[in-house]
Amino acid sequence: MPLIYRLLTEDDTSEFCHKVSLALSKGWVLYGNPTYVYDHANGVMRVGQAVTKDVEAAYSRDMKLGQQ
């Protein structure tokens, strides 16, 4: 079964938590630790979390990962 990968990013707000929670509710699995970085240009903290998911369909560059 093919494994697909996404990197979720957002400002460090509750919106990021909702984005990750939505992905988890759709069967995505956390991959590694979250990452944090200070965005000097915008003066905010940014956070990212990698997630993976086994899918039945063959991988295609055209697939919409968020809809899997």
Protein backbone atom coordinates (compact mmCIF):
# COMPACT_ATOMS: atom_id res chain seq x y z
CA MET A 1 0.00 0.00 0.00
CA PRO A 2 1.53 3.37 -0.97
CA LEU A 3 2.46 5.80 1.79
CA ILE A 4 1.93 9.52 1.21
CA TYR A 5 3.44 12.45 3.11
CA ARG A 6 2.34 15.99 3.96
CA LEU A 7 3.93 18.80 5.93
CA LEU A 8 1.30 20.87 7.71
CA THR A 9 2.35 24.45 8.52
CA GLU A 10 0.68 27.44 10.11
CA ASP A 11 1.27 30.31 12.50
CA ASP A 12 1.56 29.00 16.07
CA THR A 13 -2.13 29.45 16.91
CA SER A 14 -5.06 27.18 17.64
CA GLU A 15 -5.65 27.05 13.87
CA PHE A 16 -2.57 24.85 13.56
CA CYS A 17 -3.95 22.45 16.18
CA HIS A 18 -7.25 22.28 14.29
CA LYS A 19 -5.39 21.57 11.03
CA VAL A 20 -3.44 18.69 12.61
CA SER A 21 -6.54 17.36 14.40
CA LEU A 22 -8.49 17.34 11.12
CA ALA A 23 -5.69 15.41 9.40
CA LEU A 24 -5.60 12.88 12.26
CA SER A 25 -9.38 12.44 12.07
CA LYS A 26 -8.97 11.56 8.38
CA GLY A 27 -6.47 8.79 9.13
CA TRP A 28 -3.18 10.67 8.81
CA VAL A 29 -0.48 9.68 11.34
CA LEU A 30 2.05 11.99 13.00
CA TYR A 31 5.55 11.57 11.60
CA GLY A 32 8.36 12.88 13.79
CA ASN A 33 8.28 15.85 16.11
CA PRO A 34 6.73 19.24 15.38
CA THR A 35 9.10 21.99 14.35
CA TYR A 36 9.03 25.67 15.35
CA VAL A 37 10.69 28.65 13.73
CA TYR A 38 10.48 32.38 14.21
CA ASP A 39 9.29 34.13 11.04
CA HIS A 40 11.27 37.40 11.19
CA ALA A 41 9.53 38.89 8.17
CA ASN A 42 6.10 38.62 9.80
CA GLY A 43 7.10 38.68 13.48
CA VAL A 44 5.36 35.40 14.38
CA MET A 45 6.22 31.87 15.39
CA ARG A 46 5.49 29.27 12.73
CA VAL A 47 5.00 25.58 13.40
CA GLY A 48 5.06 22.50 11.20
CA GLN A 49 4.15 18.84 11.60
CA ALA A 50 4.77 16.03 9.15
CA VAL A 51 2.04 13.42 8.70
CA THR A 52 1.81 10.24 6.64
CA LYS A 53 -1.02 8.02 5.45
CA ASP A 54 -1.37 4.65 3.73
CA VAL A 55 -3.61 4.97 0.68
CA GLU A 56 -5.13 2.45 -1.71
CA ALA A 57 -4.55 4.51 -4.86
CA ALA A 58 -1.21 4.59 -6.62
CA TYR A 59 0.68 7.80 -5.92
CA SER A 60 0.31 10.50 -8.53
CA ARG A 61 1.85 13.96 -8.44
CA ASP A 62 -1.61 15.28 -9.38
CA MET A 63 -3.39 13.84 -6.33
CA LYS A 64 -4.74 16.35 -3.81
CA LEU A 65 -3.00 15.14 -0.65
CA GLY A 66 -5.37 17.00 1.68
CA GLN A 67 -8.31 15.15 0.17
CA GLN A 68 -6.85 11.69 0.76
